[in-house]
Amino acid sequence: MKWKILVVDDDQKTVDLIRLSLENDQFEALVAYEGLEALAVTRSETPDLIILDWLLPHISGLDLCRIIRSESTIPVIMLTAKTTENDKLLGLTLGADDYLTKPFSLRELVARVRIVLRRTYQSEERPTTLQIRDLEMNLQAHEVRLCGKLVHLTPKEFKLLETFVSSPGRTFRRQELIERVCGPDYDGFDRTIDFHLRNLRKKIEVDPWQPSYLQTVHGIGYKLRRMDDAK
C-alpha cells in the first residue's frame, strides 16, 4: 500500500507541484487548501504524514499542528516563508517533526518526507496484502482472490479495486477515479470509469445489481462498503 501524504497549502499551484512530485515518487497525495478542510481530511483519511503550510485561512498551520498533535502522532512537516530561528523553534515546539522554508526544493521536500516516515514508522515497507471481508488483494503478486478463489482482473480493474480497498468507506468522485486509473492526462469519455466499475462488479459481486462491496453514492461517486456501514 502506498504511503498516504496530506498536502495543506492555500496556494493551488504549490499544492499541485507537491502533489505531482509525491505521486511521481509513488506516494498517494491528498490535498486541502485551508485549515478546517485539512482537519476534516486528517480525521477521515488518517494520512501517514502531513505537509502543512504555516499561513492558512480559518485555522493557522500552527494551530492546526497543535490540534493534530493533541489527537494523533501523525508526523508533520511545516512549510513556511518565516525563516527566523524563533519561528522554527515555535513550530517544532508545537509538534512539527520537520521544518522547510519557502522557496524550497521539491526534491528536498520528498527526501525529507521519506526521512520522517522512516524515522516515525521505522521502515518504509507497507503491507503487500489488503483484505476486506472475503476479498483479498496481493499488491506484490498483482492477484485478487474472493473466498480464496483467484479473480482475473485487467490492469485498470486492479488499480480501481486497489483504490477502493486502500480507503474503505471513502467516497471517490468519478473524476478522481479517472485520474487514478487512467492518469491525469486522460481526455476521453468521463463515463469510462463506469465501464470499468461495471465489469469489476461482475467479477467480485454475488449480485452486481445489488452490490455489497462497491456501492454508488448518488450524486457524488462510489465507495467500498465497510462491514459497519449501513447498506
C-alpha atoms as a PDB file:
ATOM      1  CA  MET A   1       0.000   0.000   0.000  1.00  0.00           C
ATOM      2  CA  LYS A   2       1.315   3.485  -0.799  1.00  0.00           C
ATOM      3  CA  TRP A   3       2.176   5.971   1.904  1.00  0.00           C
ATOM      4  CA  LYS A   4      -0.673   8.491   2.173  1.00  0.00           C
ATOM      5  CA  ILE A   5       0.509  12.123   2.360  1.00  0.00           C
ATOM      6  CA  LEU A   6      -1.780  15.113   3.036  1.00  0.00           C
ATOM      7  CA  VAL A   7      -0.638  18.377   1.432  1.00  0.00           C
ATOM      8  CA  VAL A   8      -2.103  21.525   3.029  1.00  0.00           C
ATOM      9  CA  ASP A   9      -1.495  24.939   1.429  1.00  0.00           C
ATOM     10  CA  ASP A  10      -3.802  27.738   0.275  1.00  0.00           C
ATOM     11  CA  ASP A  11      -1.818  28.208  -2.954  1.00  0.00           C
ATOM     12  CA  GLN A  12      -3.155  25.796  -5.569  1.00  0.00           C
ATOM     13  CA  LYS A  13      -0.001  25.964  -7.726  1.00  0.00           C
ATOM     14  CA  THR A  14       2.145  24.946  -4.755  1.00  0.00           C
ATOM     15  CA  VAL A  15      -0.237  22.114  -3.887  1.00  0.00           C
ATOM     16  CA  ASP A  16      -0.271  20.855  -7.480  1.00  0.00           C
ATOM     17  CA  LEU A  17       3.532  20.853  -7.717  1.00  0.00           C
ATOM     18  CA  ILE A  18       3.945  18.988  -4.432  1.00  0.00           C
ATOM     19  CA  ARG A  19       1.188  16.518  -5.291  1.00  0.00           C
ATOM     20  CA  LEU A  20       2.753  15.737  -8.659  1.00  0.00           C
ATOM     21  CA  SER A  21       6.203  15.264  -7.109  1.00  0.00           C
ATOM     22  CA  LEU A  22       4.802  12.914  -4.477  1.00  0.00           C
ATOM     23  CA  GLU A  23       2.810  10.876  -6.980  1.00  0.00           C
ATOM     24  CA  ASN A  24       5.834  10.607  -9.266  1.00  0.00           C
ATOM     25  CA  ASP A  25       7.673   9.149  -6.276  1.00  0.00           C
ATOM     26  CA  GLN A  26       4.909   6.564  -5.705  1.00  0.00           C
ATOM     27  CA  PHE A  27       3.140   8.292  -2.806  1.00  0.00           C
ATOM     28  CA  GLU A  28      -0.611   8.778  -2.572  1.00  0.00           C
ATOM     29  CA  ALA A  29      -1.358  12.503  -2.230  1.00  0.00           C
ATOM     30  CA  LEU A  30      -4.387  14.021  -0.515  1.00  0.00           C
ATOM     31  CA  VAL A  31      -4.898  17.792  -0.652  1.00  0.00           C
ATOM     32  CA  ALA A  32      -6.554  20.547   1.359  1.00  0.00           C
ATOM     33  CA  TYR A  33      -6.473  24.308   0.878  1.00  0.00           C
ATOM     34  CA  GLU A  34      -7.455  25.609   4.317  1.00  0.00           C
ATOM     35  CA  GLY A  35      -7.314  24.574   7.951  1.00  0.00           C
ATOM     36  CA  LEU A  36     -10.849  23.321   8.551  1.00  0.00           C
ATOM     37  CA  GLU A  37     -10.763  21.202   5.406  1.00  0.00           C
ATOM     38  CA  ALA A  38      -7.345  19.830   6.392  1.00  0.00           C
ATOM     39  CA  LEU A  39      -8.608  18.885   9.840  1.00  0.00           C
ATOM     40  CA  ALA A  40     -11.604  17.069   8.351  1.00  0.00           C
ATOM     41  CA  VAL A  41      -9.398  15.157   5.891  1.00  0.00           C
ATOM     42  CA  THR A  42      -6.963  14.249   8.660  1.00  0.00           C
ATOM     43  CA  ARG A  43      -9.744  12.828  10.803  1.00  0.00           C
ATOM     44  CA  SER A  44     -11.438  10.913   7.976  1.00  0.00           C
ATOM     45  CA  GLU A  45      -8.422   9.669   5.985  1.00  0.00           C
ATOM     46  CA  THR A  46      -5.720   9.307   8.682  1.00  0.00           C
ATOM     47  CA  PRO A  47      -2.765  10.179   6.442  1.00  0.00           C
ATOM     48  CA  ASP A  48       0.695   8.804   7.212  1.00  0.00           C
ATOM     49  CA  LEU A  49       2.246  12.278   7.085  1.00  0.00           C
ATOM     50  CA  ILE A  50       1.088  15.888   6.680  1.00  0.00           C
ATOM     51  CA  ILE A  51       2.898  18.636   4.760  1.00  0.00           C
ATOM     52  CA  LEU A  52       1.487  21.773   6.361  1.00  0.00           C
ATOM     53  CA  ASP A  53       1.770  25.433   5.380  1.00  0.00           C
ATOM     54  CA  TRP A  54       2.134  27.908   8.243  1.00  0.00           C
ATOM     55  CA  LEU A  55      -0.288  30.567   6.958  1.00  0.00           C
ATOM     56  CA  LEU A  56      -3.761  29.182   6.237  1.00  0.00           C
ATOM     57  CA  PRO A  57      -7.326  30.565   6.197  1.00  0.00           C
ATOM     58  CA  HIS A  58      -9.617  29.867   9.182  1.00  0.00           C
ATOM     59  CA  ILE A  59      -7.071  27.883  11.218  1.00  0.00           C
ATOM     60  CA  SER A  60      -3.375  28.709  11.043  1.00  0.00           C
ATOM     61  CA  GLY A  61      -0.879  25.981  10.364  1.00  0.00           C
ATOM     62  CA  LEU A  62       0.478  26.349  13.893  1.00  0.00           C
ATOM     63  CA  ASP A  63      -2.961  25.973  15.477  1.00  0.00           C
ATOM     64  CA  LEU A  64      -3.745  23.052  13.178  1.00  0.00           C
ATOM     65  CA  CYS A  65      -0.458  21.385  14.118  1.00  0.00           C
ATOM     66  CA  ARG A  66      -1.355  21.802  17.791  1.00  0.00           C
ATOM     67  CA  ILE A  67      -4.795  20.221  17.247  1.00  0.00           C
ATOM     68  CA  ILE A  68      -3.384  17.336  15.203  1.00  0.00           C
ATOM     69  CA  ARG A  69      -0.734  16.650  17.806  1.00  0.00           C
ATOM     70  CA  SER A  70      -3.372  16.560  20.555  1.00  0.00           C
ATOM     71  CA  GLU A  71      -5.330  13.903  18.622  1.00  0.00           C
ATOM     72  CA  SER A  72      -2.662  11.756  16.960  1.00  0.00           C
ATOM     73  CA  THR A  73       1.013  11.095  16.349  1.00  0.00           C
ATOM     74  CA  ILE A  74       0.832  11.717  12.577  1.00  0.00           C
ATOM     75  CA  PRO A  75       4.152  13.351  11.619  1.00  0.00           C
ATOM     76  CA  VAL A  76       4.029  16.934  10.323  1.00  0.00           C
ATOM     77  CA  ILE A  77       6.436  18.807   8.064  1.00  0.00           C
ATOM     78  CA  MET A  78       5.873  22.560   8.272  1.00  0.00           C
ATOM     79  CA  LEU A  79       6.261  24.777   5.177  1.00  0.00           C
ATOM     80  CA  THR A  80       6.637  28.499   5.730  1.00  0.00           C
ATOM     81  CA  ALA A  81       8.158  31.738   4.491  1.00  0.00           C
ATOM     82  CA  LYS A  82       9.116  32.541   8.099  1.00  0.00           C
ATOM     83  CA  THR A  83      12.838  31.996   8.458  1.00  0.00           C
ATOM     84  CA  THR A  84      13.891  33.138  11.930  1.00  0.00           C
ATOM     85  CA  GLU A  85      15.210  30.684  14.485  1.00  0.00           C
ATOM     86  CA  ASN A  86      12.389  31.594  16.875  1.00  0.00           C
ATOM     87  CA  ASP A  87       9.778  30.763  14.229  1.00  0.00           C
ATOM     88  CA  LYS A  88      11.392  27.391  13.625  1.00  0.00           C
ATOM     89  CA  LEU A  89      11.597  26.631  17.333  1.00  0.00           C
ATOM     90  CA  LEU A  90       7.933  27.618  17.768  1.00  0.00           C
ATOM     91  CA  GLY A  91       6.824  25.199  15.045  1.00  0.00           C
ATOM     92  CA  LEU A  92       8.910  22.366  16.461  1.00  0.00           C
ATOM     93  CA  THR A  93       7.716  23.104  19.996  1.00  0.00           C
ATOM     94  CA  LEU A  94       4.093  22.790  18.876  1.00  0.00           C
ATOM     95  CA  GLY A  95       4.750  19.317  17.486  1.00  0.00           C
ATOM     96  CA  ALA A  96       6.134  19.655  13.955  1.00  0.00           C
ATOM     97  CA  ASP A  97       8.600  16.906  13.066  1.00  0.00           C
ATOM     98  CA  ASP A  98      10.498  18.913  10.453  1.00  0.00           C
ATOM     99  CA  TYR A  99      10.571  22.421   9.011  1.00  0.00           C
ATOM    100  CA  LEU A 100      11.213  23.661   5.459  1.00  0.00           C
ATOM    101  CA  THR A 101      11.309  27.322   4.439  1.00  0.00           C
ATOM    102  CA  LYS A 102       9.923  28.730   1.192  1.00  0.00           C
ATOM    103  CA  PRO A 103      11.102  28.744  -1.535  1.00  0.00           C
ATOM    104  CA  PHE A 104      12.086  25.100  -1.288  1.00  0.00           C
ATOM    105  CA  SER A 105      13.323  22.292  -3.496  1.00  0.00           C
ATOM    106  CA  LEU A 106      10.695  19.679  -4.353  1.00  0.00           C
ATOM    107  CA  ARG A 107      13.404  17.010  -4.361  1.00  0.00           C
ATOM    108  CA  GLU A 108      14.483  18.036  -0.874  1.00  0.00           C
ATOM    109  CA  LEU A 109      10.881  18.010   0.337  1.00  0.00           C
ATOM    110  CA  VAL A 110      10.295  14.460  -0.970  1.00  0.00           C
ATOM    111  CA  ALA A 111      13.602  13.373   0.589  1.00  0.00           C
ATOM    112  CA  ARG A 112      12.525  14.828   3.935  1.00  0.00           C
ATOM    113  CA  VAL A 113       9.168  13.078   3.644  1.00  0.00           C
ATOM    114  CA  ARG A 114      10.980   9.755   3.309  1.00  0.00           C
ATOM    115  CA  ILE A 115      13.299  10.536   6.217  1.00  0.00           C
ATOM    116  CA  VAL A 116      10.431  11.483   8.539  1.00  0.00           C
ATOM    117  CA  LEU A 117       8.401   8.414   7.506  1.00  0.00           C
ATOM    118  CA  ARG A 118      11.390   6.155   8.124  1.00  0.00           C
ATOM    119  CA  ARG A 119      12.083   7.793  11.465  1.00  0.00           C
ATOM    120  CA  THR A 120       8.424   7.603  12.530  1.00  0.00           C
ATOM    121  CA  TYR A 121       7.485   4.163  11.306  1.00  0.00           C
ATOM    122  CA  GLN A 122      10.961   2.565  11.374  1.00  0.00           C
ATOM    123  CA  SER A 123      10.512   1.088   7.903  1.00  0.00           C
ATOM    124  CA  GLU A 124       9.270   2.206   4.502  1.00  0.00           C
ATOM    125  CA  GLU A 125       7.770  -1.214   3.832  1.00  0.00           C
ATOM    126  CA  ARG A 126       3.990  -1.172   3.544  1.00  0.00           C
ATOM    127  CA  PRO A 127       1.661  -4.158   3.721  1.00  0.00           C
ATOM    128  CA  THR A 128       1.518  -6.064   0.443  1.00  0.00           C
ATOM    129  CA  THR A 129      -1.841  -7.670   1.211  1.00  0.00           C
ATOM    130  CA  LEU A 130      -5.137  -5.828   1.644  1.00  0.00           C
ATOM    131  CA  GLN A 131      -8.309  -7.567   2.744  1.00  0.00           C
ATOM    132  CA  ILE A 132     -11.946  -6.557   3.095  1.00  0.00           C
ATOM    133  CA  ARG A 133     -14.214  -9.382   4.249  1.00  0.00           C
ATOM    134  CA  ASP A 134     -13.808 -12.247   1.720  1.00  0.00           C
ATOM    135  CA  LEU A 135     -11.905 -10.074  -0.759  1.00  0.00           C
ATOM    136  CA  GLU A 136      -8.093 -10.222  -0.653  1.00  0.00           C
ATOM    137  CA  MET A 137      -5.596  -8.264  -2.773  1.00  0.00           C
ATOM    138  CA  ASN A 138      -1.925  -9.134  -3.054  1.00  0.00           C
ATOM    139  CA  LEU A 139      -0.304  -5.962  -4.389  1.00  0.00           C
ATOM    140  CA  GLN A 140       3.084  -7.560  -4.937  1.00  0.00           C
ATOM    141  CA  ALA A 141       1.784 -10.597  -6.837  1.00  0.00           C
ATOM    142  CA  HIS A 142      -0.909  -8.467  -8.519  1.00  0.00           C
ATOM    143  CA  GLU A 143      -3.550 -11.039  -7.552  1.00  0.00           C
ATOM    144  CA  VAL A 144      -7.109 -10.791  -6.261  1.00  0.00           C
ATOM    145  CA  ARG A 145      -8.924 -13.627  -4.518  1.00  0.00           C
ATOM    146  CA  LEU A 146     -12.570 -13.826  -3.499  1.00  0.00           C
ATOM    147  CA  CYS A 147     -13.340 -16.506  -0.908  1.00  0.00           C
ATOM    148  CA  GLY A 148      -9.931 -17.963  -1.756  1.00  0.00           C
ATOM    149  CA  LYS A 149     -10.618 -18.226  -5.490  1.00  0.00           C
ATOM    150  CA  LEU A 150      -8.484 -16.293  -7.963  1.00  0.00           C
ATOM    151  CA  VAL A 151     -10.275 -13.427  -9.737  1.00  0.00           C
ATOM    152  CA  HIS A 152      -8.826 -12.315 -13.076  1.00  0.00           C
ATOM    153  CA  LEU A 153      -8.805  -8.533 -13.421  1.00  0.00           C
ATOM    154  CA  THR A 154      -7.489  -6.215 -16.112  1.00  0.00           C
ATOM    155  CA  PRO A 155      -4.767  -3.738 -15.007  1.00  0.00           C
ATOM    156  CA  LYS A 156      -7.294  -0.894 -14.831  1.00  0.00           C
ATOM    157  CA  GLU A 157      -9.761  -3.011 -12.845  1.00  0.00           C
ATOM    158  CA  PHE A 158      -6.969  -3.957 -10.444  1.00  0.00           C
ATOM    159  CA  LYS A 159      -5.979  -0.298  -9.990  1.00  0.00           C
ATOM    160  CA  LEU A 160      -9.603   0.664  -9.464  1.00  0.00           C
ATOM    161  CA  LEU A 161     -10.114  -2.007  -6.828  1.00  0.00           C
ATOM    162  CA  GLU A 162      -6.819  -1.101  -5.120  1.00  0.00           C
ATOM    163  CA  THR A 163      -8.011   2.497  -4.862  1.00  0.00           C
ATOM    164  CA  PHE A 164     -11.187   1.434  -3.061  1.00  0.00           C
ATOM    165  CA  VAL A 165      -9.633  -1.233  -0.826  1.00  0.00           C
ATOM    166  CA  SER A 166      -6.875   1.159   0.286  1.00  0.00           C
ATOM    167  CA  SER A 167      -9.517   3.580   1.626  1.00  0.00           C
ATOM    168  CA  PRO A 168     -12.628   1.597   2.631  1.00  0.00           C
ATOM    169  CA  GLY A 169     -15.634   3.762   3.364  1.00  0.00           C
ATOM    170  CA  ARG A 170     -14.261   6.768   1.496  1.00  0.00           C
ATOM    171  CA  THR A 171     -16.389   8.120  -1.366  1.00  0.00           C
ATOM    172  CA  PHE A 172     -14.463   8.816  -4.573  1.00  0.00           C
ATOM    173  CA  ARG A 173     -15.778  11.162  -7.222  1.00  0.00           C
ATOM    174  CA  ARG A 174     -15.788   9.932 -10.817  1.00  0.00           C
ATOM    175  CA  GLN A 175     -13.105  12.416 -11.930  1.00  0.00           C
ATOM    176  CA  GLU A 176     -10.785  11.354  -9.117  1.00  0.00           C
ATOM    177  CA  LEU A 177     -11.166   7.703 -10.094  1.00  0.00           C
ATOM    178  CA  ILE A 178     -10.478   8.548 -13.741  1.00  0.00           C
ATOM    179  CA  GLU A 179      -7.238  10.319 -12.770  1.00  0.00           C
ATOM    180  CA  ARG A 180      -6.098   7.423 -10.588  1.00  0.00           C
ATOM    181  CA  VAL A 181      -6.967   4.664 -13.031  1.00  0.00           C
ATOM    182  CA  CYS A 182      -6.405   6.329 -16.423  1.00  0.00           C
ATOM    183  CA  GLY A 183      -3.914   9.034 -15.466  1.00  0.00           C
ATOM    184  CA  PRO A 184      -4.259  12.816 -15.013  1.00  0.00           C
ATOM    185  CA  ASP A 185      -3.805  13.482 -18.750  1.00  0.00           C
ATOM    186  CA  TYR A 186      -6.692  11.242 -19.829  1.00  0.00           C
ATOM    187  CA  ASP A 187      -9.094  13.196 -22.050  1.00  0.00           C
ATOM    188  CA  GLY A 188     -11.549  10.500 -23.128  1.00  0.00           C
ATOM    189  CA  PHE A 189     -15.163   9.986 -22.101  1.00  0.00           C
ATOM    190  CA  ASP A 190     -15.826  10.689 -18.432  1.00  0.00           C
ATOM    191  CA  ARG A 191     -18.083   7.614 -18.277  1.00  0.00           C
ATOM    192  CA  THR A 192     -15.132   5.302 -18.951  1.00  0.00           C
ATOM    193  CA  ILE A 193     -14.786   4.657 -15.237  1.00  0.00           C
ATOM    194  CA  ASP A 194     -18.397   3.415 -15.137  1.00  0.00           C
ATOM    195  CA  PHE A 195     -17.488   0.770 -17.721  1.00  0.00           C
ATOM    196  CA  HIS A 196     -14.553  -0.490 -15.633  1.00  0.00           C
ATOM    197  CA  LEU A 197     -16.617  -0.380 -12.458  1.00  0.00           C
ATOM    198  CA  ARG A 198     -19.452  -2.354 -14.051  1.00  0.00           C
ATOM    199  CA  ASN A 199     -17.032  -5.063 -15.195  1.00  0.00           C
ATOM    200  CA  LEU A 200     -15.346  -5.129 -11.779  1.00  0.00           C
ATOM    201  CA  ARG A 201     -18.702  -5.603 -10.059  1.00  0.00           C
ATOM    202  CA  LYS A 202     -19.480  -8.568 -12.334  1.00  0.00           C
ATOM    203  CA  LYS A 203     -16.283 -10.228 -11.130  1.00  0.00           C
ATOM    204  CA  ILE A 204     -16.456  -9.628  -7.364  1.00  0.00           C
ATOM    205  CA  GLU A 205     -20.147  -9.213  -6.524  1.00  0.00           C
ATOM    206  CA  VAL A 206     -22.617 -12.044  -5.945  1.00  0.00           C
ATOM    207  CA  ASP A 207     -25.291  -9.779  -7.442  1.00  0.00           C
ATOM    208  CA  PRO A 208     -23.824  -6.881  -9.468  1.00  0.00           C
ATOM    209  CA  TRP A 209     -27.202  -5.127  -9.388  1.00  0.00           C
ATOM    210  CA  GLN A 210     -27.238  -5.157  -5.580  1.00  0.00           C
ATOM    211  CA  PRO A 211     -23.520  -4.775  -4.807  1.00  0.00           C
ATOM    212  CA  SER A 212     -22.249  -5.491  -1.302  1.00  0.00           C
ATOM    213  CA  TYR A 213     -18.718  -4.197  -1.951  1.00  0.00           C
ATOM    214  CA  LEU A 214     -18.680  -1.360  -4.492  1.00  0.00           C
ATOM    215  CA  GLN A 215     -21.584   0.950  -3.818  1.00  0.00           C
ATOM    216  CA  THR A 216     -22.898   4.019  -5.612  1.00  0.00           C
ATOM    217  CA  VAL A 217     -23.173   7.203  -3.548  1.00  0.00           C
ATOM    218  CA  HIS A 218     -25.836   9.004  -5.550  1.00  0.00           C
ATOM    219  CA  GLY A 219     -24.859  12.431  -6.784  1.00  0.00           C
ATOM    220  CA  ILE A 220     -21.265  12.034  -5.573  1.00  0.00           C
ATOM    221  CA  GLY A 221     -19.453   8.880  -6.713  1.00  0.00           C
ATOM    222  CA  TYR A 222     -18.580   5.415  -5.451  1.00  0.00           C
ATOM    223  CA  LYS A 223     -17.173   3.762  -2.339  1.00  0.00           C
ATOM    224  CA  LEU A 224     -16.174   0.393  -0.934  1.00  0.00           C
ATOM    225  CA  ARG A 225     -18.606  -0.512   1.843  1.00  0.00           C
ATOM    226  CA  ARG A 226     -17.070  -1.386   5.179  1.00  0.00           C
ATOM    227  CA  MET A 227     -18.663  -4.058   7.366  1.00  0.00           C
ATOM    228  CA  ASP A 228     -20.038  -1.435   9.758  1.00  0.00           C
ATOM    229  CA  ASP A 229     -21.547   0.763   7.022  1.00  0.00           C
ATOM    230  CA  ALA A 230     -25.303   0.795   6.653  1.00  0.00           C
ATOM    231  CA  LYS A 231     -26.486  -0.817   3.436  1.00  0.00           C
END
